[in-house]
């Protein structure tokens, strides 16, 4: 755990570098984001954004997804990988949203985790981006990598443990945007294979950069 002043410097540095902290998945409705996040598992957001326009045109309502068979969805998401499991989860989630939640995407962690294919990462994204719930902390591969490099966590790989540690340190009202900024920074500068520390806006407050 870092000193509060160092955490604040990291948060501020990312805010200055990436003022627009937006989800990189395209969506217009809450359930579209839910389904897009499922498609993004082990797939790039760019690929998902290429696939979803045709998908949402073919199935323009939540009811149309619920009435479909997974086999009807599969051709539209084939290029996202694991398309059979993803199609099954999307159709199953659509039916549960209608049957159990009145057609509305839930706004609590407990209820979201009941949906097929939804884990804490997806639930936190929905809570943060759709419902603006303070403390929503999305732990994806970028968050895992950068949280360890920055020193926010100490050699942790378990997303649940990382989420708990970040919740202790980050201002709740900034957690969601912070995680989006980690994704942007992880793609642009602090990449998995070759982090460009000399170009990094956080080099003066990063635990890894301090050892170089």
N, C-alpha and C. Protein backbone atom coordinates (compact mmCIF):
# COMPACT_ATOMS: atom_id res chain seq x y z
N UNK A 1 0.84 -1.19 0.00
CA UNK A 1 0.00 0.00 0.00
C UNK A 1 0.88 1.25 0.00
N UNK A 2 0.57 2.18 -0.88
CA UNK A 2 1.37 3.39 -1.02
C UNK A 2 0.85 4.49 -0.08
N UNK A 3 1.71 5.46 0.23
CA UNK A 3 1.26 6.63 0.98
C UNK A 3 0.17 7.37 0.22
N UNK A 4 -0.73 8.00 0.94
CA UNK A 4 -1.85 8.69 0.30
C UNK A 4 -1.39 9.75 -0.68
N UNK A 5 -0.30 10.42 -0.37
CA UNK A 5 0.20 11.47 -1.27
C UNK A 5 0.65 10.88 -2.61
N UNK A 6 1.25 9.67 -2.56
CA UNK A 6 1.70 9.04 -3.79
C UNK A 6 0.52 8.54 -4.62
N UNK A 7 -0.48 8.00 -3.94
CA UNK A 7 -1.70 7.56 -4.64
C UNK A 7 -2.37 8.76 -5.31
N UNK A 8 -2.46 9.86 -4.59
CA UNK A 8 -3.07 11.07 -5.15
C UNK A 8 -2.29 11.56 -6.38
N UNK A 9 -0.98 11.45 -6.32
CA UNK A 9 -0.15 11.88 -7.45
C UNK A 9 -0.38 10.99 -8.67
N UNK A 10 -0.55 9.70 -8.43
CA UNK A 10 -0.83 8.76 -9.53
C UNK A 10 -2.19 9.07 -10.16
N UNK A 11 -3.19 9.25 -9.30
CA UNK A 11 -4.54 9.56 -9.80
C UNK A 11 -4.52 10.86 -10.59
N UNK A 12 -3.88 11.87 -10.07
CA UNK A 12 -3.82 13.18 -10.73
C UNK A 12 -3.04 13.11 -12.04
N UNK A 13 -1.94 12.36 -12.03
CA UNK A 13 -1.14 12.22 -13.24
C UNK A 13 -1.91 11.60 -14.38
N UNK A 14 -2.70 10.59 -14.07
CA UNK A 14 -3.51 9.94 -15.11
C UNK A 14 -4.65 10.83 -15.56
N UNK A 15 -5.21 11.60 -14.64
CA UNK A 15 -6.29 12.53 -15.00
C UNK A 15 -5.78 13.57 -16.00
N UNK A 16 -4.58 14.05 -15.78
CA UNK A 16 -4.03 15.06 -16.70
C UNK A 16 -3.70 14.46 -18.06
N UNK A 17 -3.18 13.23 -18.04
CA UNK A 17 -2.76 12.58 -19.29
C UNK A 17 -3.95 12.09 -20.11
N UNK A 18 -4.99 11.63 -19.42
CA UNK A 18 -6.16 11.07 -20.10
C UNK A 18 -7.43 11.70 -19.52
N UNK A 19 -7.72 12.93 -19.90
CA UNK A 19 -8.87 13.64 -19.31
C UNK A 19 -10.21 12.96 -19.60
N UNK A 20 -10.32 12.29 -20.74
CA UNK A 20 -11.56 11.59 -21.07
C UNK A 20 -11.43 10.13 -20.65
N UNK A 21 -11.99 9.82 -19.50
CA UNK A 21 -11.92 8.45 -18.99
C UNK A 21 -13.20 7.72 -19.37
N UNK A 22 -13.23 7.21 -20.59
CA UNK A 22 -14.45 6.58 -21.08
C UNK A 22 -14.21 5.11 -21.38
N UNK A 23 -15.27 4.34 -21.25
CA UNK A 23 -15.21 2.94 -21.66
C UNK A 23 -14.97 2.88 -23.16
N UNK A 24 -14.11 2.00 -23.59
CA UNK A 24 -13.78 1.92 -25.01
C UNK A 24 -14.70 0.99 -25.79
N UNK A 25 -15.71 0.46 -25.12
CA UNK A 25 -16.74 -0.32 -25.81
C UNK A 25 -17.89 0.60 -26.20
N UNK A 26 -18.41 0.42 -27.41
CA UNK A 26 -19.51 1.24 -27.89
C UNK A 26 -20.84 0.63 -27.48
N UNK A 27 -21.72 1.46 -26.93
CA UNK A 27 -23.04 0.96 -26.53
C UNK A 27 -23.99 2.13 -26.37
N UNK A 28 -25.28 1.84 -26.46
CA UNK A 28 -26.31 2.85 -26.24
C UNK A 28 -27.23 2.49 -25.09
N UNK A 29 -27.32 1.21 -24.77
CA UNK A 29 -28.21 0.74 -23.72
C UNK A 29 -27.39 -0.06 -22.71
N UNK A 30 -27.89 -0.12 -21.49
CA UNK A 30 -27.16 -0.81 -20.43
C UNK A 30 -26.92 -2.28 -20.77
N UNK A 31 -27.92 -2.94 -21.32
CA UNK A 31 -27.73 -4.36 -21.62
C UNK A 31 -26.74 -4.55 -22.78
N UNK A 32 -26.63 -3.55 -23.67
CA UNK A 32 -25.65 -3.65 -24.74
C UNK A 32 -24.23 -3.62 -24.17
N UNK A 33 -24.01 -2.80 -23.16
CA UNK A 33 -22.69 -2.80 -22.51
C UNK A 33 -22.45 -4.14 -21.83
N UNK A 34 -23.46 -4.67 -21.16
CA UNK A 34 -23.34 -5.97 -20.49
C UNK A 34 -22.91 -7.04 -21.49
N UNK A 35 -23.57 -7.10 -22.64
CA UNK A 35 -23.26 -8.11 -23.64
C UNK A 35 -21.90 -7.84 -24.29
N UNK A 36 -21.57 -6.58 -24.51
CA UNK A 36 -20.28 -6.24 -25.12
C UNK A 36 -19.12 -6.65 -24.23
N UNK A 37 -19.28 -6.47 -22.92
CA UNK A 37 -18.22 -6.87 -22.00
C UNK A 37 -18.04 -8.38 -22.05
N UNK A 38 -19.14 -9.11 -22.16
CA UNK A 38 -19.02 -10.58 -22.28
C UNK A 38 -18.27 -10.94 -23.55
N UNK A 39 -18.54 -10.27 -24.64
CA UNK A 39 -17.85 -10.54 -25.89
C UNK A 39 -16.37 -10.19 -25.82
N UNK A 40 -16.04 -9.22 -24.97
CA UNK A 40 -14.66 -8.73 -24.89
C UNK A 40 -13.74 -9.67 -24.11
N UNK A 41 -14.29 -10.70 -23.49
CA UNK A 41 -13.45 -11.65 -22.77
C UNK A 41 -12.49 -12.32 -23.73
N UNK A 42 -11.20 -12.17 -23.48
CA UNK A 42 -10.14 -12.71 -24.36
C UNK A 42 -10.32 -12.27 -25.81
N UNK A 43 -10.75 -11.04 -25.96
CA UNK A 43 -10.94 -10.44 -27.28
C UNK A 43 -10.74 -8.94 -27.11
N UNK A 44 -10.31 -8.26 -28.16
CA UNK A 44 -10.07 -6.82 -28.05
C UNK A 44 -11.38 -6.04 -28.13
N UNK A 45 -11.38 -4.88 -27.48
CA UNK A 45 -12.54 -4.00 -27.57
C UNK A 45 -12.77 -3.55 -29.00
N UNK A 46 -11.69 -3.36 -29.73
CA UNK A 46 -11.82 -2.93 -31.13
C UNK A 46 -12.58 -3.97 -31.95
N UNK A 47 -12.27 -5.22 -31.75
CA UNK A 47 -12.96 -6.30 -32.45
C UNK A 47 -14.43 -6.34 -32.05
N UNK A 48 -14.71 -6.20 -30.76
CA UNK A 48 -16.10 -6.21 -30.29
C UNK A 48 -16.88 -5.07 -30.93
N UNK A 49 -16.26 -3.90 -31.02
CA UNK A 49 -16.94 -2.75 -31.61
C UNK A 49 -17.19 -2.94 -33.10
N UNK A 50 -16.43 -3.79 -33.75
CA UNK A 50 -16.67 -4.12 -35.15
C UNK A 50 -17.85 -5.06 -35.31
N UNK A 51 -18.07 -5.88 -34.29
CA UNK A 51 -19.08 -6.95 -34.35
C UNK A 51 -20.46 -6.47 -33.90
N UNK A 52 -20.49 -5.63 -32.88
CA UNK A 52 -21.78 -5.34 -32.25
C UNK A 52 -22.77 -4.53 -33.10
N UNK A 53 -22.37 -3.67 -34.03
CA UNK A 53 -23.39 -2.98 -34.82
C UNK A 53 -24.33 -3.95 -35.55
N UNK A 54 -23.78 -4.95 -36.18
CA UNK A 54 -24.62 -5.93 -36.88
C UNK A 54 -25.41 -6.78 -35.89
N UNK A 55 -24.79 -7.11 -34.77
CA UNK A 55 -25.47 -7.90 -33.74
C UNK A 55 -26.68 -7.16 -33.20
N UNK A 56 -26.50 -5.89 -32.86
CA UNK A 56 -27.60 -5.13 -32.27
C UNK A 56 -28.63 -4.71 -33.31
N UNK A 57 -28.26 -4.71 -34.57
CA UNK A 57 -29.24 -4.47 -35.62
C UNK A 57 -30.12 -5.70 -35.82
N UNK A 58 -29.50 -6.88 -35.75
CA UNK A 58 -30.27 -8.13 -35.90
C UNK A 58 -31.16 -8.38 -34.70
N UNK A 59 -30.65 -8.03 -33.51
CA UNK A 59 -31.42 -8.21 -32.27
C UNK A 59 -31.55 -6.84 -31.60
N UNK A 60 -32.53 -6.03 -32.03
CA UNK A 60 -32.58 -4.62 -31.62
C UNK A 60 -33.14 -4.37 -30.22
N UNK A 61 -33.70 -5.39 -29.60
CA UNK A 61 -34.27 -5.22 -28.26
C UNK A 61 -33.80 -6.36 -27.36
N UNK A 62 -33.95 -6.13 -26.06
CA UNK A 62 -33.63 -7.19 -25.11
C UNK A 62 -34.54 -8.38 -25.33
N UNK A 63 -35.79 -8.11 -25.67
CA UNK A 63 -36.74 -9.20 -25.92
C UNK A 63 -36.31 -10.06 -27.11
N UNK A 64 -35.75 -9.42 -28.13
CA UNK A 64 -35.33 -10.20 -29.30
C UNK A 64 -34.16 -11.11 -28.97
N UNK A 65 -33.28 -10.68 -28.08
CA UNK A 65 -32.20 -11.56 -27.61
C UNK A 65 -32.79 -12.71 -26.79
N UNK A 66 -33.75 -12.41 -25.94
CA UNK A 66 -34.33 -13.43 -25.08
C UNK A 66 -35.09 -14.49 -25.88
N UNK A 67 -35.66 -14.09 -26.99
CA UNK A 67 -36.43 -15.01 -27.82
C UNK A 67 -35.56 -15.81 -28.78
N UNK A 68 -34.30 -15.43 -28.90
CA UNK A 68 -33.40 -16.10 -29.83
C UNK A 68 -32.86 -17.39 -29.24
N UNK A 69 -32.36 -18.22 -30.10
CA UNK A 69 -31.58 -19.38 -29.70
C UNK A 69 -30.10 -19.01 -29.82
N UNK A 70 -29.27 -19.55 -28.96
CA UNK A 70 -27.84 -19.22 -29.04
C UNK A 70 -27.26 -19.42 -30.44
N UNK A 71 -27.76 -20.44 -31.14
CA UNK A 71 -27.25 -20.72 -32.48
C UNK A 71 -27.53 -19.58 -33.45
N UNK A 72 -28.55 -18.79 -33.18
CA UNK A 72 -28.85 -17.64 -34.03
C UNK A 72 -27.90 -16.48 -33.77
N UNK A 73 -27.38 -16.42 -32.57
CA UNK A 73 -26.46 -15.34 -32.20
C UNK A 73 -25.03 -15.65 -32.65
N UNK A 74 -24.68 -16.91 -32.64
CA UNK A 74 -23.30 -17.33 -32.88
C UNK A 74 -22.66 -16.74 -34.14
N UNK A 75 -23.34 -16.73 -35.30
CA UNK A 75 -22.67 -16.21 -36.50
C UNK A 75 -22.24 -14.75 -36.39
N UNK A 76 -22.94 -13.98 -35.59
CA UNK A 76 -22.65 -12.56 -35.47
C UNK A 76 -21.45 -12.28 -34.56
N UNK A 77 -21.10 -13.24 -33.73
CA UNK A 77 -20.02 -13.02 -32.75
C UNK A 77 -18.88 -14.00 -32.94
N UNK A 78 -18.88 -14.73 -34.01
CA UNK A 78 -17.91 -15.80 -34.24
C UNK A 78 -16.47 -15.31 -34.10
N UNK A 79 -16.21 -14.13 -34.63
CA UNK A 79 -14.82 -13.63 -34.66
C UNK A 79 -14.33 -13.18 -33.29
N UNK A 80 -15.20 -13.14 -32.30
CA UNK A 80 -14.79 -12.73 -30.95
C UNK A 80 -14.18 -13.89 -30.16
N UNK A 81 -14.27 -15.09 -30.70
CA UNK A 81 -13.74 -16.24 -29.98
C UNK A 81 -14.69 -16.76 -28.92
N UNK A 82 -14.60 -18.06 -28.63
CA UNK A 82 -15.45 -18.69 -27.62
C UNK A 82 -16.92 -18.33 -27.86
N UNK A 83 -17.29 -18.31 -29.14
CA UNK A 83 -18.59 -17.76 -29.52
C UNK A 83 -19.76 -18.58 -29.03
N UNK A 84 -19.59 -19.89 -28.88
CA UNK A 84 -20.71 -20.71 -28.40
C UNK A 84 -21.05 -20.37 -26.95
N UNK A 85 -20.03 -20.31 -26.11
CA UNK A 85 -20.25 -19.99 -24.70
C UNK A 85 -20.78 -18.56 -24.55
N UNK A 86 -20.24 -17.64 -25.34
CA UNK A 86 -20.68 -16.25 -25.25
C UNK A 86 -22.12 -16.10 -25.72
N UNK A 87 -22.48 -16.78 -26.79
CA UNK A 87 -23.86 -16.70 -27.28
C UNK A 87 -24.82 -17.28 -26.25
N UNK A 88 -24.43 -18.39 -25.65
CA UNK A 88 -25.27 -19.01 -24.62
C UNK A 88 -25.47 -18.07 -23.43
N UNK A 89 -24.40 -17.40 -23.02
CA UNK A 89 -24.50 -16.49 -21.87
C UNK A 89 -25.34 -15.26 -22.20
N UNK A 90 -25.18 -14.74 -23.41
CA UNK A 90 -25.93 -13.55 -23.79
C UNK A 90 -27.43 -13.84 -23.83
N UNK A 91 -27.80 -14.93 -24.45
CA UNK A 91 -29.22 -15.30 -24.51
C UNK A 91 -29.75 -15.60 -23.10
N UNK A 92 -28.96 -16.34 -22.33
CA UNK A 92 -29.37 -16.66 -20.96
C UNK A 92 -29.53 -15.43 -20.10
N UNK A 93 -28.61 -14.47 -20.24
CA UNK A 93 -28.69 -13.23 -19.48
C UNK A 93 -29.91 -12.41 -19.89
N UNK A 94 -30.18 -12.36 -21.20
CA UNK A 94 -31.35 -11.62 -21.68
C UNK A 94 -32.63 -12.19 -21.09
N UNK A 95 -32.74 -13.50 -21.06
CA UNK A 95 -33.94 -14.13 -20.50
C UNK A 95 -34.06 -13.87 -19.01
N UNK A 96 -32.94 -13.92 -18.30
CA UNK A 96 -32.98 -13.66 -16.86
C UNK A 96 -33.31 -12.21 -16.57
N UNK A 97 -32.77 -11.30 -17.37
CA UNK A 97 -33.08 -9.88 -17.18
C UNK A 97 -34.58 -9.64 -17.29
N UNK A 98 -35.21 -10.29 -18.24
CA UNK A 98 -36.65 -10.11 -18.43
C UNK A 98 -37.45 -10.84 -17.36
N UNK A 99 -37.09 -12.08 -17.10
CA UNK A 99 -37.87 -12.91 -16.16
C UNK A 99 -37.69 -12.49 -14.71
N UNK A 100 -36.46 -12.13 -14.33
CA UNK A 100 -36.16 -11.89 -12.92
C UNK A 100 -35.99 -10.42 -12.55
N UNK A 101 -35.69 -9.58 -13.54
CA UNK A 101 -35.37 -8.19 -13.22
C UNK A 101 -36.22 -7.18 -13.99
N UNK A 102 -37.31 -7.62 -14.55
CA UNK A 102 -38.22 -6.70 -15.23
C UNK A 102 -37.63 -6.01 -16.43
N UNK A 103 -36.64 -6.63 -17.07
CA UNK A 103 -36.03 -6.05 -18.25
C UNK A 103 -34.99 -4.98 -17.96
N UNK A 104 -34.61 -4.85 -16.70
CA UNK A 104 -33.65 -3.82 -16.31
C UNK A 104 -32.35 -4.47 -15.83
N UNK A 105 -31.23 -3.93 -16.27
CA UNK A 105 -29.93 -4.42 -15.79
C UNK A 105 -29.82 -4.06 -14.31
N UNK A 106 -29.54 -5.03 -13.45
CA UNK A 106 -29.49 -4.76 -12.00
C UNK A 106 -28.43 -3.72 -11.64
N UNK A 107 -28.63 -3.11 -10.48
CA UNK A 107 -27.71 -2.07 -10.03
C UNK A 107 -27.01 -2.44 -8.73
N UNK A 108 -26.95 -3.74 -8.43
CA UNK A 108 -26.20 -4.20 -7.26
C UNK A 108 -25.26 -5.33 -7.67
N UNK A 109 -24.15 -5.44 -6.98
CA UNK A 109 -23.19 -6.49 -7.26
C UNK A 109 -23.84 -7.86 -7.10
N UNK A 110 -24.57 -8.05 -6.03
CA UNK A 110 -25.18 -9.35 -5.76
C UNK A 110 -26.09 -9.80 -6.89
N UNK A 111 -26.91 -8.91 -7.39
CA UNK A 111 -27.83 -9.28 -8.46
C UNK A 111 -27.11 -9.47 -9.80
N UNK A 112 -26.15 -8.62 -10.09
CA UNK A 112 -25.41 -8.75 -11.35
C UNK A 112 -24.69 -10.08 -11.43
N UNK A 113 -24.14 -10.55 -10.32
CA UNK A 113 -23.38 -11.79 -10.33
C UNK A 113 -24.26 -13.02 -10.56
N UNK A 114 -25.58 -12.86 -10.51
CA UNK A 114 -26.48 -13.96 -10.80
C UNK A 114 -26.63 -14.20 -12.30
N UNK A 115 -26.27 -13.21 -13.09
CA UNK A 115 -26.44 -13.32 -14.54
C UNK A 115 -25.37 -14.21 -15.15
N UNK A 116 -25.73 -15.02 -16.15
CA UNK A 116 -24.75 -15.89 -16.81
C UNK A 116 -23.59 -15.10 -17.41
N UNK A 117 -22.37 -15.55 -17.15
CA UNK A 117 -21.20 -14.93 -17.75
C UNK A 117 -20.74 -13.66 -17.09
N UNK A 118 -21.36 -13.28 -15.98
CA UNK A 118 -21.01 -12.03 -15.31
C UNK A 118 -20.18 -12.32 -14.06
N UNK A 119 -18.97 -11.76 -14.02
CA UNK A 119 -18.12 -11.84 -12.84
C UNK A 119 -17.97 -10.45 -12.25
N UNK A 120 -17.08 -10.31 -11.30
CA UNK A 120 -16.92 -9.03 -10.61
C UNK A 120 -16.42 -7.93 -11.54
N UNK A 121 -15.58 -8.28 -12.51
CA UNK A 121 -15.07 -7.26 -13.42
C UNK A 121 -16.23 -6.63 -14.20
N UNK A 122 -17.07 -7.48 -14.78
CA UNK A 122 -18.22 -6.98 -15.54
C UNK A 122 -19.17 -6.22 -14.64
N UNK A 123 -19.44 -6.77 -13.47
CA UNK A 123 -20.38 -6.13 -12.55
C UNK A 123 -19.88 -4.74 -12.14
N UNK A 124 -18.60 -4.63 -11.83
CA UNK A 124 -18.05 -3.33 -11.46
C UNK A 124 -18.12 -2.33 -12.61
N UNK A 125 -17.93 -2.80 -13.83
CA UNK A 125 -18.01 -1.91 -14.99
C UNK A 125 -19.43 -1.37 -15.14
N UNK A 126 -20.42 -2.24 -15.00
CA UNK A 126 -21.81 -1.81 -15.09
C UNK A 126 -22.14 -0.83 -13.97
N UNK A 127 -21.73 -1.15 -12.76
CA UNK A 127 -22.03 -0.29 -11.62
C UNK A 127 -21.38 1.08 -11.78
N UNK A 128 -20.15 1.10 -12.28
CA UNK A 128 -19.45 2.37 -12.44
C UNK A 128 -19.93 3.18 -13.62
N UNK A 129 -20.07 2.55 -14.79
CA UNK A 129 -20.37 3.30 -16.01
C UNK A 129 -21.86 3.59 -16.18
N UNK A 130 -22.70 2.67 -15.77
CA UNK A 130 -24.14 2.86 -15.95
C UNK A 130 -24.77 3.56 -14.75
N UNK A 131 -24.36 3.14 -13.55
CA UNK A 131 -25.04 3.64 -12.35
C UNK A 131 -24.19 4.57 -11.48
N UNK A 132 -22.94 4.80 -11.90
CA UNK A 132 -22.06 5.75 -11.18
C UNK A 132 -21.94 5.42 -9.70
N UNK A 133 -21.80 4.15 -9.39
CA UNK A 133 -21.67 3.72 -8.00
C UNK A 133 -20.24 3.97 -7.53
N UNK A 134 -20.04 4.76 -6.48
CA UNK A 134 -18.69 5.04 -5.98
C UNK A 134 -17.98 3.75 -5.55
N UNK A 135 -16.69 3.70 -5.81
CA UNK A 135 -15.90 2.56 -5.41
C UNK A 135 -15.86 1.43 -6.42
N UNK A 136 -16.59 1.56 -7.52
CA UNK A 136 -16.59 0.51 -8.55
C UNK A 136 -15.20 0.40 -9.14
N UNK A 137 -14.62 -0.79 -9.05
CA UNK A 137 -13.21 -0.97 -9.41
C UNK A 137 -13.08 -2.14 -10.37
N UNK A 138 -12.79 -1.85 -11.63
CA UNK A 138 -12.71 -2.88 -12.67
C UNK A 138 -11.28 -3.38 -12.76
N UNK A 139 -11.08 -4.63 -12.41
CA UNK A 139 -9.73 -5.21 -12.42
C UNK A 139 -9.60 -6.12 -13.64
N UNK A 140 -9.00 -5.58 -14.70
CA UNK A 140 -8.71 -6.37 -15.90
C UNK A 140 -7.20 -6.60 -15.98
N UNK A 141 -6.74 -7.10 -17.11
CA UNK A 141 -5.31 -7.42 -17.24
C UNK A 141 -4.44 -6.17 -17.11
N UNK A 142 -4.91 -5.04 -17.66
CA UNK A 142 -4.14 -3.79 -17.53
C UNK A 142 -4.07 -3.36 -16.08
N UNK A 143 -5.18 -3.43 -15.39
CA UNK A 143 -5.22 -3.03 -13.99
C UNK A 143 -4.31 -3.90 -13.14
N UNK A 144 -4.32 -5.19 -13.41
CA UNK A 144 -3.45 -6.11 -12.66
C UNK A 144 -1.99 -5.74 -12.88
N UNK A 145 -1.60 -5.55 -14.13
CA UNK A 145 -0.21 -5.25 -14.47
C UNK A 145 0.23 -3.91 -13.89
N UNK A 146 -0.56 -2.87 -14.13
CA UNK A 146 -0.15 -1.52 -13.71
C UNK A 146 -0.23 -1.33 -12.20
N UNK A 147 -1.19 -1.95 -11.56
CA UNK A 147 -1.29 -1.83 -10.10
C UNK A 147 -0.05 -2.40 -9.43
N UNK A 148 0.47 -3.50 -9.98
CA UNK A 148 1.69 -4.09 -9.44
C UNK A 148 2.90 -3.24 -9.77
N UNK A 149 3.01 -2.76 -10.98
CA UNK A 149 4.16 -1.95 -11.37
C UNK A 149 4.21 -0.63 -10.60
N UNK A 150 3.06 -0.03 -10.41
CA UNK A 150 3.02 1.26 -9.72
C UNK A 150 3.27 1.11 -8.23
N UNK A 151 3.04 -0.09 -7.71
CA UNK A 151 3.23 -0.31 -6.28
C UNK A 151 1.95 -0.18 -5.48
N UNK A 152 0.81 -0.07 -6.17
CA UNK A 152 -0.47 0.00 -5.47
C UNK A 152 -0.78 -1.33 -4.79
N UNK A 153 -0.30 -2.41 -5.37
CA UNK A 153 -0.39 -3.73 -4.74
C UNK A 153 0.99 -4.36 -4.80
N UNK A 154 1.19 -5.34 -3.95
CA UNK A 154 2.51 -5.97 -3.84
C UNK A 154 2.47 -7.39 -4.37
N UNK A 155 2.84 -7.54 -5.65
CA UNK A 155 2.94 -8.86 -6.29
C UNK A 155 1.66 -9.66 -6.14
N UNK A 156 0.54 -9.04 -6.48
CA UNK A 156 -0.75 -9.73 -6.44
C UNK A 156 -1.23 -9.99 -7.86
N UNK A 157 -1.81 -11.16 -8.08
CA UNK A 157 -2.40 -11.50 -9.37
C UNK A 157 -3.88 -11.80 -9.26
N UNK A 158 -4.37 -12.04 -8.06
CA UNK A 158 -5.77 -12.35 -7.84
C UNK A 158 -6.62 -11.08 -7.98
N UNK A 159 -7.51 -11.04 -8.98
CA UNK A 159 -8.31 -9.82 -9.20
C UNK A 159 -9.15 -9.41 -7.99
N UNK A 160 -9.67 -10.37 -7.25
CA UNK A 160 -10.50 -10.04 -6.09
C UNK A 160 -9.66 -9.35 -5.01
N UNK A 161 -8.45 -9.85 -4.78
CA UNK A 161 -7.56 -9.24 -3.79
C UNK A 161 -7.10 -7.87 -4.25
N UNK A 162 -6.83 -7.73 -5.55
CA UNK A 162 -6.41 -6.43 -6.07
C UNK A 162 -7.54 -5.42 -5.94
N UNK A 163 -8.75 -5.85 -6.26
CA UNK A 163 -9.91 -4.97 -6.11
C UNK A 163 -10.02 -4.48 -4.67
N UNK A 164 -9.86 -5.38 -3.72
CA UNK A 164 -9.97 -5.02 -2.31
C UNK A 164 -8.90 -4.01 -1.91
N UNK A 165 -7.67 -4.21 -2.40
CA UNK A 165 -6.59 -3.30 -2.07
C UNK A 165 -6.80 -1.92 -2.69
N UNK A 166 -7.26 -1.90 -3.93
CA UNK A 166 -7.50 -0.62 -4.59
C UNK A 166 -8.64 0.15 -3.93
N UNK A 167 -9.65 -0.57 -3.48
CA UNK A 167 -10.76 0.08 -2.80
C UNK A 167 -10.30 0.79 -1.53
N UNK A 168 -9.26 0.25 -0.90
CA UNK A 168 -8.73 0.86 0.32
C UNK A 168 -7.99 2.17 0.02
N UNK A 169 -7.43 2.27 -1.19
CA UNK A 169 -6.53 3.37 -1.49
C UNK A 169 -7.12 4.46 -2.37
N UNK A 170 -7.98 4.09 -3.30
CA UNK A 170 -8.48 5.06 -4.26
C UNK A 170 -9.67 5.84 -3.71
N UNK A 171 -9.77 7.11 -4.05
CA UNK A 171 -10.98 7.86 -3.71
C UNK A 171 -12.18 7.18 -4.37
N UNK A 172 -13.21 6.81 -3.64
CA UNK A 172 -14.33 6.06 -4.21
C UNK A 172 -14.95 6.71 -5.44
N UNK A 173 -15.04 8.04 -5.42
CA UNK A 173 -15.67 8.74 -6.53
C UNK A 173 -14.81 8.75 -7.79
N UNK A 174 -13.55 8.32 -7.66
CA UNK A 174 -12.65 8.32 -8.81
C UNK A 174 -12.24 6.92 -9.26
N UNK A 175 -12.70 5.91 -8.57
CA UNK A 175 -12.24 4.54 -8.84
C UNK A 175 -12.55 4.09 -10.26
N UNK A 176 -13.78 4.30 -10.70
CA UNK A 176 -14.19 3.83 -12.02
C UNK A 176 -13.37 4.49 -13.13
N UNK A 177 -13.27 5.81 -13.09
CA UNK A 177 -12.49 6.53 -14.10
C UNK A 177 -11.01 6.14 -14.03
N UNK A 178 -10.51 5.94 -12.83
CA UNK A 178 -9.12 5.54 -12.66
C UNK A 178 -8.83 4.24 -13.41
N UNK A 179 -9.73 3.29 -13.30
CA UNK A 179 -9.53 2.00 -13.97
C UNK A 179 -9.58 2.14 -15.48
N UNK A 180 -10.45 3.01 -15.99
CA UNK A 180 -10.47 3.28 -17.43
C UNK A 180 -9.15 3.89 -17.87
N UNK A 181 -8.63 4.77 -17.06
CA UNK A 181 -7.36 5.42 -17.42
C UNK A 181 -6.19 4.43 -17.38
N UNK A 182 -6.26 3.46 -16.49
CA UNK A 182 -5.22 2.42 -16.48
C UNK A 182 -5.23 1.64 -17.78
N UNK A 183 -6.41 1.37 -18.32
CA UNK A 183 -6.51 0.67 -19.60
C UNK A 183 -5.84 1.51 -20.70
N UNK A 184 -6.17 2.78 -20.75
CA UNK A 184 -5.59 3.67 -21.78
C UNK A 184 -4.07 3.75 -21.63
N UNK A 185 -3.61 3.87 -20.40
CA UNK A 185 -2.17 3.99 -20.15
C UNK A 185 -1.47 2.66 -20.44
N UNK A 186 -2.13 1.57 -20.11
CA UNK A 186 -1.55 0.26 -20.37
C UNK A 186 -1.41 -0.05 -21.85
N UNK A 187 -2.30 0.49 -22.63
CA UNK A 187 -2.21 0.29 -24.08
C UNK A 187 -1.19 1.22 -24.73
N UNK A 188 -1.13 2.45 -24.22
CA UNK A 188 -0.31 3.47 -24.89
C UNK A 188 1.14 3.47 -24.43
N UNK A 189 1.39 3.24 -23.13
CA UNK A 189 2.73 3.43 -22.59
C UNK A 189 3.22 2.23 -21.78
N UNK A 190 2.47 1.85 -20.77
CA UNK A 190 2.92 0.80 -19.86
C UNK A 190 2.46 -0.56 -20.37
N UNK A 191 2.96 -0.93 -21.54
CA UNK A 191 2.53 -2.15 -22.20
C UNK A 191 3.14 -3.39 -21.52
N UNK A 192 2.57 -4.53 -21.83
CA UNK A 192 3.00 -5.76 -21.17
C UNK A 192 4.44 -6.12 -21.52
N UNK A 193 4.81 -5.98 -22.79
CA UNK A 193 6.12 -6.45 -23.24
C UNK A 193 7.22 -5.40 -23.08
N UNK A 194 6.89 -4.16 -23.38
CA UNK A 194 7.95 -3.16 -23.38
C UNK A 194 7.46 -1.81 -22.86
N UNK A 195 7.33 -1.69 -21.54
CA UNK A 195 6.90 -0.41 -20.98
C UNK A 195 7.89 0.69 -21.29
N UNK A 196 7.37 1.85 -21.69
CA UNK A 196 8.22 2.97 -22.06
C UNK A 196 8.31 3.94 -20.88
N UNK A 197 9.07 3.54 -19.89
CA UNK A 197 9.14 4.30 -18.63
C UNK A 197 9.64 5.72 -18.84
N UNK A 198 10.55 5.90 -19.80
CA UNK A 198 11.11 7.24 -20.01
C UNK A 198 10.05 8.22 -20.52
N UNK A 199 8.96 7.70 -21.12
CA UNK A 199 7.90 8.56 -21.64
C UNK A 199 6.72 8.67 -20.69
N UNK A 200 6.77 7.97 -19.58
CA UNK A 200 5.61 7.80 -18.71
C UNK A 200 5.33 9.04 -17.86
N UNK A 201 4.07 9.43 -17.81
CA UNK A 201 3.66 10.57 -17.00
C UNK A 201 3.74 10.27 -15.50
N UNK A 202 3.91 8.99 -15.17
CA UNK A 202 3.96 8.59 -13.76
C UNK A 202 5.36 8.16 -13.31
N UNK A 203 6.35 8.41 -14.13
CA UNK A 203 7.68 7.90 -13.82
C UNK A 203 8.24 8.40 -12.49
N UNK A 204 7.80 9.58 -12.07
CA UNK A 204 8.32 10.14 -10.81
C UNK A 204 7.62 9.58 -9.58
N UNK A 205 6.51 8.87 -9.78
CA UNK A 205 5.77 8.33 -8.63
C UNK A 205 5.54 6.83 -8.75
N UNK A 206 6.21 6.20 -9.72
CA UNK A 206 6.04 4.77 -9.96
C UNK A 206 7.12 3.97 -9.24
N UNK A 207 6.73 2.95 -8.53
CA UNK A 207 7.67 2.13 -7.78
C UNK A 207 8.63 1.38 -8.69
N UNK A 208 8.14 0.94 -9.85
CA UNK A 208 9.01 0.22 -10.79
C UNK A 208 10.02 1.17 -11.42
N UNK A 209 9.58 2.35 -11.85
CA UNK A 209 10.48 3.32 -12.46
C UNK A 209 11.57 3.76 -11.49
N UNK A 210 11.23 3.79 -10.21
CA UNK A 210 12.20 4.22 -9.21
C UNK A 210 13.37 3.25 -9.08
N UNK A 211 13.16 2.00 -9.52
CA UNK A 211 14.22 0.99 -9.41
C UNK A 211 15.12 0.96 -10.63
N UNK A 212 14.75 1.68 -11.68
CA UNK A 212 15.54 1.64 -12.92
C UNK A 212 16.77 2.52 -12.83
